[in-house]
């Protein structure tokens, strides 16, 4: 962890990586910047990072050319941010099935961790 970093990141499974690889280079750079803000700033602006109400999940937020990208994540061991999967949002509200998927991946992470 670099001296600037307040948090660490862990990518769980291949879900985030698959989402990331499908994006254009400029979108990837914006996503990288958003993740960097989460790792290095304290407190993190809601522009980049927001807790999802009624869950243990957070979303890393990236907007580019009118498109909205969200990466679902959660905290483990205090300062470890675990990245789950990403979506391109088409509506204002986060789709319920995507929240359920993120919750399932979070559960799988802890199940795998216990093995």
N, C-alpha and C. Protein backbone atom coordinates (compact mmCIF):
# COMPACT_ATOMS: atom_id res chain seq x y z
N UNK A 1 0.87 -1.18 0.00
CA UNK A 1 0.00 0.00 0.00
C UNK A 1 0.91 1.23 0.00
N UNK A 2 0.63 2.16 -0.92
CA UNK A 2 1.45 3.38 -1.01
C UNK A 2 1.11 4.30 0.16
N UNK A 3 2.01 5.24 0.47
CA UNK A 3 1.75 6.16 1.59
C UNK A 3 0.47 6.98 1.44
N UNK A 4 0.06 7.25 0.20
CA UNK A 4 -1.16 8.03 -0.05
C UNK A 4 -2.42 7.22 0.24
N UNK A 5 -2.34 5.91 0.13
CA UNK A 5 -3.53 5.07 0.21
C UNK A 5 -4.09 4.99 1.63
N UNK A 6 -5.37 5.20 1.72
CA UNK A 6 -6.11 5.05 2.98
C UNK A 6 -6.75 3.67 3.03
N UNK A 7 -6.94 3.08 1.86
CA UNK A 7 -7.61 1.79 1.73
C UNK A 7 -6.86 0.92 0.73
N UNK A 8 -7.18 -0.38 0.76
CA UNK A 8 -6.65 -1.32 -0.23
C UNK A 8 -7.83 -1.85 -1.04
N UNK A 9 -7.51 -2.43 -2.19
CA UNK A 9 -8.56 -2.97 -3.04
C UNK A 9 -8.26 -4.44 -3.34
N UNK A 10 -9.33 -5.22 -3.42
CA UNK A 10 -9.25 -6.62 -3.80
C UNK A 10 -10.36 -6.87 -4.81
N UNK A 11 -10.02 -7.51 -5.90
CA UNK A 11 -11.04 -7.86 -6.91
C UNK A 11 -11.45 -9.30 -6.65
N UNK A 12 -12.74 -9.50 -6.35
CA UNK A 12 -13.24 -10.84 -6.09
C UNK A 12 -13.75 -11.47 -7.39
N UNK A 13 -13.23 -12.65 -7.72
CA UNK A 13 -13.65 -13.35 -8.93
C UNK A 13 -13.23 -12.59 -10.18
N UNK A 14 -13.90 -12.90 -11.28
CA UNK A 14 -13.57 -12.26 -12.56
C UNK A 14 -14.65 -11.30 -13.03
N UNK A 15 -15.68 -11.08 -12.20
CA UNK A 15 -16.85 -10.30 -12.62
C UNK A 15 -16.49 -8.85 -12.94
N UNK A 16 -15.76 -8.21 -12.05
CA UNK A 16 -15.35 -6.82 -12.30
C UNK A 16 -14.43 -6.75 -13.52
N UNK A 17 -13.45 -7.65 -13.58
CA UNK A 17 -12.48 -7.63 -14.69
C UNK A 17 -13.17 -7.79 -16.04
N UNK A 18 -14.16 -8.68 -16.11
CA UNK A 18 -14.90 -8.87 -17.37
C UNK A 18 -15.63 -7.59 -17.77
N UNK A 19 -16.26 -6.94 -16.79
CA UNK A 19 -16.96 -5.67 -17.05
C UNK A 19 -15.95 -4.62 -17.53
N UNK A 20 -14.84 -4.50 -16.84
CA UNK A 20 -13.82 -3.50 -17.12
C UNK A 20 -13.25 -3.66 -18.53
N UNK A 21 -12.96 -4.90 -18.91
CA UNK A 21 -12.36 -5.17 -20.23
C UNK A 21 -13.29 -4.79 -21.38
N UNK A 22 -14.58 -4.78 -21.14
CA UNK A 22 -15.56 -4.46 -22.19
C UNK A 22 -15.67 -2.96 -22.45
N UNK A 23 -15.11 -2.15 -21.56
CA UNK A 23 -15.25 -0.70 -21.67
C UNK A 23 -14.19 -0.10 -22.59
N UNK A 24 -14.53 1.05 -23.17
CA UNK A 24 -13.57 1.80 -23.99
C UNK A 24 -12.45 2.30 -23.08
N UNK A 25 -11.30 2.57 -23.68
CA UNK A 25 -10.13 3.00 -22.91
C UNK A 25 -10.42 4.24 -22.06
N UNK A 26 -11.14 5.22 -22.61
CA UNK A 26 -11.43 6.44 -21.85
C UNK A 26 -12.32 6.15 -20.65
N UNK A 27 -13.24 5.21 -20.79
CA UNK A 27 -14.08 4.81 -19.66
C UNK A 27 -13.23 4.12 -18.60
N UNK A 28 -12.33 3.24 -19.04
CA UNK A 28 -11.42 2.57 -18.10
C UNK A 28 -10.61 3.57 -17.29
N UNK A 29 -10.11 4.59 -17.97
CA UNK A 29 -9.32 5.61 -17.28
C UNK A 29 -10.16 6.35 -16.23
N UNK A 30 -11.42 6.62 -16.56
CA UNK A 30 -12.33 7.27 -15.59
C UNK A 30 -12.62 6.34 -14.42
N UNK A 31 -12.82 5.05 -14.71
CA UNK A 31 -13.05 4.08 -13.64
C UNK A 31 -11.80 4.00 -12.74
N UNK A 32 -10.63 3.96 -13.35
CA UNK A 32 -9.38 3.94 -12.59
C UNK A 32 -9.29 5.15 -11.66
N UNK A 33 -9.66 6.32 -12.19
CA UNK A 33 -9.61 7.55 -11.39
C UNK A 33 -10.59 7.46 -10.20
N UNK A 34 -11.79 6.96 -10.45
CA UNK A 34 -12.78 6.83 -9.38
C UNK A 34 -12.28 5.88 -8.29
N UNK A 35 -11.68 4.77 -8.70
CA UNK A 35 -11.14 3.82 -7.72
C UNK A 35 -10.00 4.48 -6.95
N UNK A 36 -9.17 5.24 -7.64
CA UNK A 36 -8.06 5.94 -6.98
C UNK A 36 -8.59 6.91 -5.91
N UNK A 37 -9.67 7.60 -6.22
CA UNK A 37 -10.27 8.52 -5.24
C UNK A 37 -10.74 7.75 -4.00
N UNK A 38 -11.32 6.58 -4.21
CA UNK A 38 -11.78 5.75 -3.09
C UNK A 38 -10.60 5.30 -2.24
N UNK A 39 -9.51 4.96 -2.89
CA UNK A 39 -8.34 4.46 -2.16
C UNK A 39 -7.56 5.54 -1.44
N UNK A 40 -7.55 6.76 -1.99
CA UNK A 40 -6.63 7.78 -1.48
C UNK A 40 -7.26 8.94 -0.73
N UNK A 41 -8.57 9.12 -0.78
CA UNK A 41 -9.16 10.28 -0.12
C UNK A 41 -9.99 9.85 1.09
N UNK A 42 -10.01 10.72 2.07
CA UNK A 42 -10.78 10.44 3.28
C UNK A 42 -11.27 11.76 3.85
N UNK A 43 -12.54 12.00 3.89
CA UNK A 43 -13.60 11.13 3.41
C UNK A 43 -13.71 11.19 1.88
N UNK A 44 -14.29 10.15 1.32
CA UNK A 44 -14.48 10.07 -0.13
C UNK A 44 -15.75 10.83 -0.50
N UNK A 45 -15.67 11.65 -1.53
CA UNK A 45 -16.83 12.39 -2.01
C UNK A 45 -17.91 11.43 -2.50
N UNK A 46 -19.17 11.79 -2.24
CA UNK A 46 -20.29 10.97 -2.73
C UNK A 46 -20.35 10.95 -4.25
N UNK A 47 -19.64 11.85 -4.87
CA UNK A 47 -19.55 11.83 -6.33
C UNK A 47 -18.89 10.52 -6.80
N UNK A 48 -17.98 9.97 -5.98
CA UNK A 48 -17.23 8.78 -6.35
C UNK A 48 -17.63 7.51 -5.59
N UNK A 49 -18.25 7.66 -4.42
CA UNK A 49 -18.44 6.51 -3.55
C UNK A 49 -19.67 6.72 -2.68
N UNK A 50 -20.58 5.75 -2.69
CA UNK A 50 -21.81 5.93 -1.93
C UNK A 50 -22.28 4.60 -1.36
N UNK A 51 -22.72 4.62 -0.11
CA UNK A 51 -23.30 3.44 0.51
C UNK A 51 -24.71 3.27 -0.04
N UNK A 52 -25.05 2.03 -0.36
CA UNK A 52 -26.39 1.74 -0.88
C UNK A 52 -27.32 1.48 0.29
N UNK A 53 -28.33 2.30 0.39
CA UNK A 53 -29.26 2.25 1.50
C UNK A 53 -29.85 0.85 1.71
N UNK A 54 -29.90 0.43 2.97
CA UNK A 54 -30.51 -0.85 3.32
C UNK A 54 -29.66 -2.06 3.00
N UNK A 55 -28.38 -1.85 2.69
CA UNK A 55 -27.48 -2.97 2.36
C UNK A 55 -26.13 -2.75 3.04
N UNK A 56 -25.25 -3.72 2.89
CA UNK A 56 -23.85 -3.58 3.32
C UNK A 56 -22.96 -3.28 2.13
N UNK A 57 -23.58 -2.87 1.04
CA UNK A 57 -22.86 -2.62 -0.21
C UNK A 57 -22.61 -1.13 -0.43
N UNK A 58 -21.59 -0.87 -1.23
CA UNK A 58 -21.27 0.47 -1.70
C UNK A 58 -21.19 0.41 -3.21
N UNK A 59 -21.22 1.59 -3.83
CA UNK A 59 -20.97 1.65 -5.26
C UNK A 59 -19.90 2.70 -5.53
N UNK A 60 -18.97 2.34 -6.39
CA UNK A 60 -17.98 3.28 -6.90
C UNK A 60 -18.61 3.86 -8.15
N UNK A 61 -18.67 5.18 -8.21
CA UNK A 61 -19.46 5.87 -9.22
C UNK A 61 -18.56 6.53 -10.27
N UNK A 62 -18.88 6.29 -11.53
CA UNK A 62 -18.16 6.91 -12.63
C UNK A 62 -19.17 7.35 -13.68
N UNK A 63 -19.06 8.58 -14.12
CA UNK A 63 -19.89 9.09 -15.20
C UNK A 63 -18.97 9.51 -16.34
N UNK A 64 -19.36 9.15 -17.56
CA UNK A 64 -18.55 9.54 -18.72
C UNK A 64 -19.46 9.73 -19.92
N UNK A 65 -19.42 10.93 -20.49
CA UNK A 65 -20.19 11.28 -21.68
C UNK A 65 -21.65 10.87 -21.57
N UNK A 66 -22.24 11.17 -20.43
CA UNK A 66 -23.66 10.90 -20.23
C UNK A 66 -23.99 9.47 -19.84
N UNK A 67 -22.99 8.60 -19.77
CA UNK A 67 -23.20 7.22 -19.34
C UNK A 67 -22.81 7.08 -17.87
N UNK A 68 -23.53 6.24 -17.17
CA UNK A 68 -23.33 6.06 -15.74
C UNK A 68 -22.83 4.64 -15.50
N UNK A 69 -21.66 4.53 -14.87
CA UNK A 69 -21.06 3.24 -14.57
C UNK A 69 -20.98 3.09 -13.06
N UNK A 70 -21.33 1.88 -12.58
CA UNK A 70 -21.30 1.62 -11.16
C UNK A 70 -20.57 0.30 -10.90
N UNK A 71 -19.72 0.31 -9.89
CA UNK A 71 -19.02 -0.89 -9.46
C UNK A 71 -19.46 -1.19 -8.04
N UNK A 72 -20.04 -2.36 -7.85
CA UNK A 72 -20.50 -2.76 -6.53
C UNK A 72 -19.32 -3.29 -5.72
N UNK A 73 -19.30 -2.92 -4.45
CA UNK A 73 -18.21 -3.33 -3.58
C UNK A 73 -18.67 -3.30 -2.13
N UNK A 74 -17.78 -3.75 -1.24
CA UNK A 74 -18.05 -3.69 0.20
C UNK A 74 -16.72 -3.66 0.93
N UNK A 75 -16.79 -3.40 2.23
CA UNK A 75 -15.59 -3.37 3.06
C UNK A 75 -15.40 -4.70 3.76
N UNK A 76 -14.15 -5.13 3.86
CA UNK A 76 -13.77 -6.27 4.67
C UNK A 76 -12.54 -5.84 5.46
N UNK A 77 -12.47 -6.22 6.72
CA UNK A 77 -11.33 -5.88 7.58
C UNK A 77 -11.06 -4.38 7.62
N UNK A 78 -12.08 -3.59 7.72
CA UNK A 78 -11.90 -2.15 7.90
C UNK A 78 -11.56 -1.36 6.66
N UNK A 79 -10.34 -1.52 6.12
CA UNK A 79 -9.94 -0.67 5.00
C UNK A 79 -9.76 -1.43 3.68
N UNK A 80 -10.22 -2.68 3.62
CA UNK A 80 -10.12 -3.45 2.38
C UNK A 80 -11.43 -3.31 1.61
N UNK A 81 -11.35 -2.74 0.40
CA UNK A 81 -12.52 -2.58 -0.46
C UNK A 81 -12.52 -3.75 -1.45
N UNK A 82 -13.58 -4.56 -1.39
CA UNK A 82 -13.68 -5.74 -2.25
C UNK A 82 -14.59 -5.39 -3.43
N UNK A 83 -14.03 -5.40 -4.65
CA UNK A 83 -14.80 -5.11 -5.86
C UNK A 83 -15.51 -6.37 -6.32
N UNK A 84 -16.81 -6.23 -6.63
CA UNK A 84 -17.60 -7.39 -7.03
C UNK A 84 -17.86 -7.40 -8.54
N UNK A 85 -18.74 -6.54 -9.00
CA UNK A 85 -19.05 -6.47 -10.43
C UNK A 85 -19.50 -5.06 -10.78
N UNK A 86 -19.56 -4.79 -12.08
CA UNK A 86 -19.93 -3.46 -12.54
C UNK A 86 -21.10 -3.51 -13.50
N UNK A 87 -21.77 -2.37 -13.61
CA UNK A 87 -22.89 -2.23 -14.54
C UNK A 87 -22.84 -0.85 -15.19
N UNK A 88 -23.51 -0.76 -16.33
CA UNK A 88 -23.80 0.52 -16.93
C UNK A 88 -25.25 0.79 -16.61
N UNK A 89 -25.50 1.86 -15.85
CA UNK A 89 -26.88 2.15 -15.43
C UNK A 89 -27.64 2.81 -16.56
N UNK A 90 -28.86 2.35 -16.76
CA UNK A 90 -29.73 2.91 -17.80
C UNK A 90 -30.83 3.77 -17.19
N UNK A 91 -31.07 3.58 -15.88
CA UNK A 91 -32.13 4.33 -15.20
C UNK A 91 -31.56 4.96 -13.94
N UNK A 92 -32.33 5.85 -13.33
CA UNK A 92 -31.89 6.52 -12.11
C UNK A 92 -31.73 5.53 -10.95
N UNK A 93 -32.65 4.57 -10.87
CA UNK A 93 -32.64 3.62 -9.77
C UNK A 93 -31.78 2.41 -10.13
N UNK A 94 -31.02 1.92 -9.14
CA UNK A 94 -30.20 0.73 -9.36
C UNK A 94 -31.11 -0.49 -9.48
N UNK A 95 -30.95 -1.27 -10.56
CA UNK A 95 -31.81 -2.44 -10.75
C UNK A 95 -31.71 -3.43 -9.59
N UNK A 96 -32.86 -3.90 -9.14
CA UNK A 96 -32.93 -4.82 -8.00
C UNK A 96 -32.11 -6.08 -8.25
N UNK A 97 -32.17 -6.60 -9.48
CA UNK A 97 -31.44 -7.85 -9.77
C UNK A 97 -29.92 -7.65 -9.64
N UNK A 98 -29.44 -6.44 -9.91
CA UNK A 98 -28.00 -6.17 -9.78
C UNK A 98 -27.60 -6.09 -8.31
N UNK A 99 -28.48 -5.52 -7.49
CA UNK A 99 -28.23 -5.50 -6.04
C UNK A 99 -28.23 -6.91 -5.48
N UNK A 100 -29.17 -7.73 -5.92
CA UNK A 100 -29.24 -9.12 -5.46
C UNK A 100 -28.00 -9.89 -5.89
N UNK A 101 -27.54 -9.63 -7.10
CA UNK A 101 -26.32 -10.29 -7.59
C UNK A 101 -25.12 -9.89 -6.72
N UNK A 102 -25.01 -8.61 -6.41
CA UNK A 102 -23.90 -8.13 -5.58
C UNK A 102 -23.97 -8.74 -4.18
N UNK A 103 -25.17 -8.83 -3.61
CA UNK A 103 -25.33 -9.44 -2.29
C UNK A 103 -24.92 -10.92 -2.34
N UNK A 104 -25.29 -11.62 -3.41
CA UNK A 104 -24.91 -13.03 -3.57
C UNK A 104 -23.40 -13.18 -3.68
N UNK A 105 -22.75 -12.31 -4.45
CA UNK A 105 -21.30 -12.36 -4.59
C UNK A 105 -20.61 -12.06 -3.26
N UNK A 106 -21.17 -11.14 -2.50
CA UNK A 106 -20.62 -10.82 -1.18
C UNK A 106 -20.68 -12.05 -0.28
N UNK A 107 -21.82 -12.75 -0.31
CA UNK A 107 -21.98 -13.97 0.48
C UNK A 107 -20.97 -15.03 0.03
N UNK A 108 -20.81 -15.20 -1.29
CA UNK A 108 -19.84 -16.17 -1.82
C UNK A 108 -18.42 -15.84 -1.37
N UNK A 109 -18.09 -14.55 -1.34
CA UNK A 109 -16.76 -14.12 -0.90
C UNK A 109 -16.50 -14.61 0.52
N UNK A 110 -17.46 -14.38 1.41
CA UNK A 110 -17.26 -14.81 2.80
C UNK A 110 -17.27 -16.33 2.92
N UNK A 111 -18.10 -17.01 2.13
CA UNK A 111 -18.09 -18.48 2.14
C UNK A 111 -16.73 -19.01 1.68
N UNK A 112 -16.19 -18.43 0.60
CA UNK A 112 -14.87 -18.85 0.10
C UNK A 112 -13.77 -18.57 1.12
N UNK A 113 -13.91 -17.47 1.82
CA UNK A 113 -12.91 -17.05 2.80
C UNK A 113 -12.83 -18.03 3.96
N UNK A 114 -13.96 -18.64 4.30
CA UNK A 114 -14.01 -19.58 5.42
C UNK A 114 -13.41 -20.94 5.06
N UNK A 115 -13.27 -21.23 3.78
CA UNK A 115 -12.76 -22.55 3.35
C UNK A 115 -11.28 -22.68 3.59
